[in-house]
Amino acid sequence: MKPIAVLFSVFSVLLASSITQSASAAERAKPFHFAHRGGAYEFEENTLAAFRSSYEAGVRGCELDIRMTKDGELVLLHDDSLQRTHQG
């Protein structure tokens, strides 16, 4: 696994842990919903529009995919190519 993925995974676990510890018992009893790929049913997946829409709908967590391009840039993309999500 790439170091950035490991770092992100550790950060996510620590963040979730701190949120759970600071929440009251009543808050912890509520289900915690995550938006898969930012909530890709209304908007393109892994986009700011999808994340905002999910937040406005009451979702407080988003699962997303971070990949590094060949030139070292980080992008949000689930697949290892653009073929499924882009045409042309």
N, C-alpha and C. Protein backbone atom coordinates (compact mmCIF):
# COMPACT_ATOMS: atom_id res chain seq x y z
N MET A 1 0.85 -1.18 0.00
CA MET A 1 0.00 0.00 0.00
C MET A 1 0.90 1.24 0.00
N LYS A 2 0.49 2.25 -0.72
CA LYS A 2 1.26 3.49 -0.80
C LYS A 2 1.26 4.20 0.55
N PRO A 3 2.36 4.88 0.90
CA PRO A 3 2.43 5.59 2.19
C PRO A 3 1.29 6.58 2.40
N ILE A 4 0.86 7.27 1.35
CA ILE A 4 -0.24 8.23 1.49
C ILE A 4 -1.54 7.53 1.86
N ALA A 5 -1.77 6.34 1.32
CA ALA A 5 -2.98 5.58 1.64
C ALA A 5 -2.94 5.11 3.09
N VAL A 6 -1.78 4.68 3.55
CA VAL A 6 -1.63 4.25 4.94
C VAL A 6 -1.87 5.43 5.87
N LEU A 7 -1.26 6.56 5.56
CA LEU A 7 -1.43 7.76 6.38
C LEU A 7 -2.89 8.19 6.43
N PHE A 8 -3.56 8.18 5.29
CA PHE A 8 -4.97 8.56 5.24
C PHE A 8 -5.82 7.59 6.05
N SER A 9 -5.54 6.29 5.96
CA SER A 9 -6.29 5.29 6.71
C SER A 9 -6.14 5.49 8.21
N VAL A 10 -4.92 5.72 8.65
CA VAL A 10 -4.67 5.94 10.08
C VAL A 10 -5.39 7.20 10.54
N PHE A 11 -5.30 8.27 9.76
CA PHE A 11 -5.98 9.52 10.10
C PHE A 11 -7.49 9.30 10.20
N SER A 12 -8.07 8.56 9.28
CA SER A 12 -9.51 8.30 9.29
C SER A 12 -9.95 7.55 10.54
N VAL A 13 -9.17 6.55 10.92
CA VAL A 13 -9.50 5.77 12.12
C VAL A 13 -9.40 6.65 13.37
N LEU A 14 -8.35 7.46 13.46
CA LEU A 14 -8.19 8.35 14.61
C LEU A 14 -9.30 9.38 14.67
N LEU A 15 -9.68 9.92 13.54
CA LEU A 15 -10.77 10.89 13.50
C LEU A 15 -12.08 10.26 13.94
N ALA A 16 -12.40 9.10 13.41
CA ALA A 16 -13.64 8.41 13.78
C ALA A 16 -13.64 8.08 15.27
N SER A 17 -12.49 7.68 15.79
CA SER A 17 -12.37 7.35 17.20
C SER A 17 -12.63 8.58 18.07
N SER A 18 -12.05 9.72 17.71
CA SER A 18 -12.24 10.93 18.50
C SER A 18 -13.68 11.42 18.45
N ILE A 19 -14.33 11.28 17.30
CA ILE A 19 -15.73 11.68 17.18
C ILE A 19 -16.60 10.82 18.08
N THR A 20 -16.35 9.52 18.08
CA THR A 20 -17.13 8.59 18.91
C THR A 20 -16.93 8.87 20.39
N GLN A 21 -15.71 9.15 20.80
CA GLN A 21 -15.42 9.38 22.21
C GLN A 21 -16.04 10.68 22.71
N SER A 22 -16.13 11.70 21.86
CA SER A 22 -16.66 12.99 22.30
C SER A 22 -18.19 13.05 22.21
N ALA A 23 -18.81 12.11 21.57
CA ALA A 23 -20.26 12.13 21.40
C ALA A 23 -20.96 11.63 22.66
N SER A 24 -22.16 12.16 22.92
CA SER A 24 -22.94 11.68 24.05
C SER A 24 -23.50 10.30 23.74
N ALA A 25 -24.03 9.64 24.76
CA ALA A 25 -24.61 8.31 24.57
C ALA A 25 -25.77 8.35 23.57
N ALA A 26 -26.58 9.41 23.63
CA ALA A 26 -27.71 9.53 22.70
C ALA A 26 -27.22 9.71 21.27
N GLU A 27 -26.15 10.49 21.09
CA GLU A 27 -25.60 10.68 19.75
C GLU A 27 -25.00 9.40 19.22
N ARG A 28 -24.34 8.63 20.09
CA ARG A 28 -23.73 7.38 19.64
C ARG A 28 -24.78 6.34 19.27
N ALA A 29 -25.98 6.45 19.82
CA ALA A 29 -27.04 5.48 19.52
C ALA A 29 -27.61 5.69 18.12
N LYS A 30 -27.44 6.89 17.57
CA LYS A 30 -27.93 7.16 16.22
C LYS A 30 -27.02 6.49 15.20
N PRO A 31 -27.58 6.04 14.09
CA PRO A 31 -26.73 5.46 13.04
C PRO A 31 -25.83 6.54 12.43
N PHE A 32 -24.64 6.15 12.06
CA PHE A 32 -23.69 7.07 11.43
C PHE A 32 -23.61 6.69 9.96
N HIS A 33 -24.12 7.54 9.09
CA HIS A 33 -24.20 7.25 7.66
C HIS A 33 -23.00 7.83 6.92
N PHE A 34 -22.46 7.04 6.00
CA PHE A 34 -21.38 7.47 5.13
C PHE A 34 -21.90 7.50 3.69
N ALA A 35 -21.45 8.48 2.93
CA ALA A 35 -21.81 8.57 1.51
C ALA A 35 -20.71 7.89 0.70
N HIS A 36 -21.07 6.83 0.01
CA HIS A 36 -20.10 6.08 -0.80
C HIS A 36 -19.68 6.92 -2.00
N ARG A 37 -18.39 7.15 -2.14
CA ARG A 37 -17.83 8.00 -3.20
C ARG A 37 -18.46 9.38 -3.21
N GLY A 38 -18.82 9.85 -2.03
CA GLY A 38 -19.39 11.19 -1.91
C GLY A 38 -20.88 11.25 -2.17
N GLY A 39 -21.53 10.13 -2.36
CA GLY A 39 -22.95 10.12 -2.67
C GLY A 39 -23.16 10.27 -4.16
N ALA A 40 -22.72 9.31 -4.91
CA ALA A 40 -22.62 9.42 -6.37
C ALA A 40 -23.93 9.18 -7.11
N TYR A 41 -25.05 9.15 -6.43
CA TYR A 41 -26.30 8.87 -7.14
C TYR A 41 -26.88 10.12 -7.78
N GLU A 42 -26.68 11.28 -7.17
CA GLU A 42 -27.22 12.52 -7.72
C GLU A 42 -26.19 13.30 -8.53
N PHE A 43 -24.92 13.16 -8.18
CA PHE A 43 -23.85 13.92 -8.82
C PHE A 43 -22.73 12.97 -9.22
N GLU A 44 -21.78 13.46 -10.00
CA GLU A 44 -20.62 12.64 -10.36
C GLU A 44 -19.90 12.23 -9.08
N GLU A 45 -19.42 11.00 -9.03
CA GLU A 45 -18.77 10.49 -7.82
C GLU A 45 -17.48 11.25 -7.51
N ASN A 46 -17.17 11.30 -6.22
CA ASN A 46 -15.95 11.94 -5.72
C ASN A 46 -15.82 13.40 -6.16
N THR A 47 -16.94 14.13 -6.17
CA THR A 47 -16.90 15.55 -6.52
C THR A 47 -17.38 16.39 -5.35
N LEU A 48 -16.99 17.65 -5.34
CA LEU A 48 -17.42 18.55 -4.28
C LEU A 48 -18.95 18.66 -4.25
N ALA A 49 -19.58 18.66 -5.41
CA ALA A 49 -21.04 18.73 -5.47
C ALA A 49 -21.67 17.52 -4.77
N ALA A 50 -21.11 16.35 -4.97
CA ALA A 50 -21.63 15.14 -4.32
C ALA A 50 -21.43 15.22 -2.80
N PHE A 51 -20.25 15.67 -2.36
CA PHE A 51 -19.99 15.79 -0.92
C PHE A 51 -20.93 16.81 -0.28
N ARG A 52 -21.14 17.94 -0.93
CA ARG A 52 -22.05 18.98 -0.40
C ARG A 52 -23.48 18.48 -0.32
N SER A 53 -23.93 17.82 -1.37
CA SER A 53 -25.30 17.30 -1.39
C SER A 53 -25.52 16.29 -0.27
N SER A 54 -24.55 15.42 -0.07
CA SER A 54 -24.66 14.43 1.00
C SER A 54 -24.71 15.11 2.36
N TYR A 55 -23.86 16.13 2.56
CA TYR A 55 -23.85 16.86 3.83
C TYR A 55 -25.20 17.54 4.07
N GLU A 56 -25.74 18.18 3.04
CA GLU A 56 -27.03 18.85 3.17
C GLU A 56 -28.15 17.86 3.46
N ALA A 57 -27.98 16.60 3.05
CA ALA A 57 -28.98 15.57 3.32
C ALA A 57 -28.80 14.95 4.71
N GLY A 58 -27.80 15.41 5.47
CA GLY A 58 -27.60 14.91 6.83
C GLY A 58 -26.49 13.89 6.98
N VAL A 59 -25.83 13.53 5.90
CA VAL A 59 -24.72 12.58 5.97
C VAL A 59 -23.52 13.31 6.54
N ARG A 60 -22.83 12.71 7.51
CA ARG A 60 -21.69 13.36 8.14
C ARG A 60 -20.37 12.65 7.89
N GLY A 61 -20.35 11.75 6.94
CA GLY A 61 -19.10 11.09 6.56
C GLY A 61 -19.14 10.70 5.10
N CYS A 62 -18.02 10.88 4.43
CA CYS A 62 -17.93 10.52 3.01
C CYS A 62 -16.75 9.59 2.78
N GLU A 63 -16.99 8.51 2.09
CA GLU A 63 -15.92 7.60 1.68
C GLU A 63 -15.46 8.10 0.33
N LEU A 64 -14.16 8.21 0.16
CA LEU A 64 -13.63 8.67 -1.11
C LEU A 64 -12.36 7.90 -1.44
N ASP A 65 -11.93 8.00 -2.67
CA ASP A 65 -10.77 7.27 -3.16
C ASP A 65 -9.71 8.26 -3.61
N ILE A 66 -8.52 8.15 -3.05
CA ILE A 66 -7.41 9.01 -3.44
C ILE A 66 -6.40 8.17 -4.21
N ARG A 67 -6.03 8.66 -5.36
CA ARG A 67 -5.02 7.98 -6.20
C ARG A 67 -3.94 8.99 -6.56
N MET A 68 -2.76 8.45 -6.84
CA MET A 68 -1.66 9.29 -7.30
C MET A 68 -1.42 9.03 -8.77
N THR A 69 -1.37 10.11 -9.55
CA THR A 69 -1.13 9.98 -10.98
C THR A 69 0.35 9.70 -11.23
N LYS A 70 0.68 9.36 -12.46
CA LYS A 70 2.08 9.06 -12.80
C LYS A 70 3.00 10.24 -12.55
N ASP A 71 2.46 11.45 -12.64
CA ASP A 71 3.30 12.63 -12.41
C ASP A 71 3.25 13.11 -10.96
N GLY A 72 2.69 12.27 -10.06
CA GLY A 72 2.73 12.57 -8.63
C GLY A 72 1.60 13.41 -8.09
N GLU A 73 0.60 13.72 -8.90
CA GLU A 73 -0.55 14.50 -8.44
C GLU A 73 -1.56 13.59 -7.75
N LEU A 74 -2.19 14.08 -6.68
CA LEU A 74 -3.25 13.33 -6.01
C LEU A 74 -4.59 13.70 -6.62
N VAL A 75 -5.41 12.70 -6.90
CA VAL A 75 -6.73 12.91 -7.48
C VAL A 75 -7.74 12.03 -6.76
N LEU A 76 -9.01 12.43 -6.81
CA LEU A 76 -10.09 11.60 -6.28
C LEU A 76 -10.65 10.80 -7.44
N LEU A 77 -10.40 9.50 -7.42
CA LEU A 77 -10.85 8.63 -8.50
C LEU A 77 -10.90 7.20 -7.97
N HIS A 78 -12.02 6.53 -8.16
CA HIS A 78 -12.17 5.17 -7.67
C HIS A 78 -11.40 4.16 -8.51
N ASP A 79 -11.47 4.28 -9.81
CA ASP A 79 -10.88 3.30 -10.72
C ASP A 79 -9.41 3.61 -11.00
N ASP A 80 -8.71 2.66 -11.61
CA ASP A 80 -7.32 2.90 -11.96
C ASP A 80 -7.17 3.50 -13.36
N SER A 81 -8.29 3.81 -14.01
CA SER A 81 -8.27 4.50 -15.30
C SER A 81 -9.52 5.38 -15.39
N LEU A 82 -9.59 6.21 -16.42
CA LEU A 82 -10.73 7.10 -16.61
C LEU A 82 -11.83 6.51 -17.48
N GLN A 83 -11.66 5.28 -17.95
CA GLN A 83 -12.57 4.70 -18.94
C GLN A 83 -14.01 4.61 -18.47
N ARG A 84 -14.26 4.25 -17.22
CA ARG A 84 -15.64 4.07 -16.77
C ARG A 84 -16.35 5.41 -16.56
N THR A 85 -15.63 6.41 -16.10
CA THR A 85 -16.27 7.67 -15.72
C THR A 85 -16.15 8.78 -16.76
N HIS A 86 -15.30 8.61 -17.76
CA HIS A 86 -15.11 9.65 -18.77
C HIS A 86 -15.16 9.04 -20.17
N GLN A 87 -15.70 9.78 -21.09
CA GLN A 87 -15.77 9.31 -22.48
C GLN A 87 -14.87 10.17 -23.35
N GLY A 88 -14.28 9.55 -24.38
CA GLY A 88 -13.50 10.32 -25.33
C GLY A 88 -12.05 10.28 -25.13
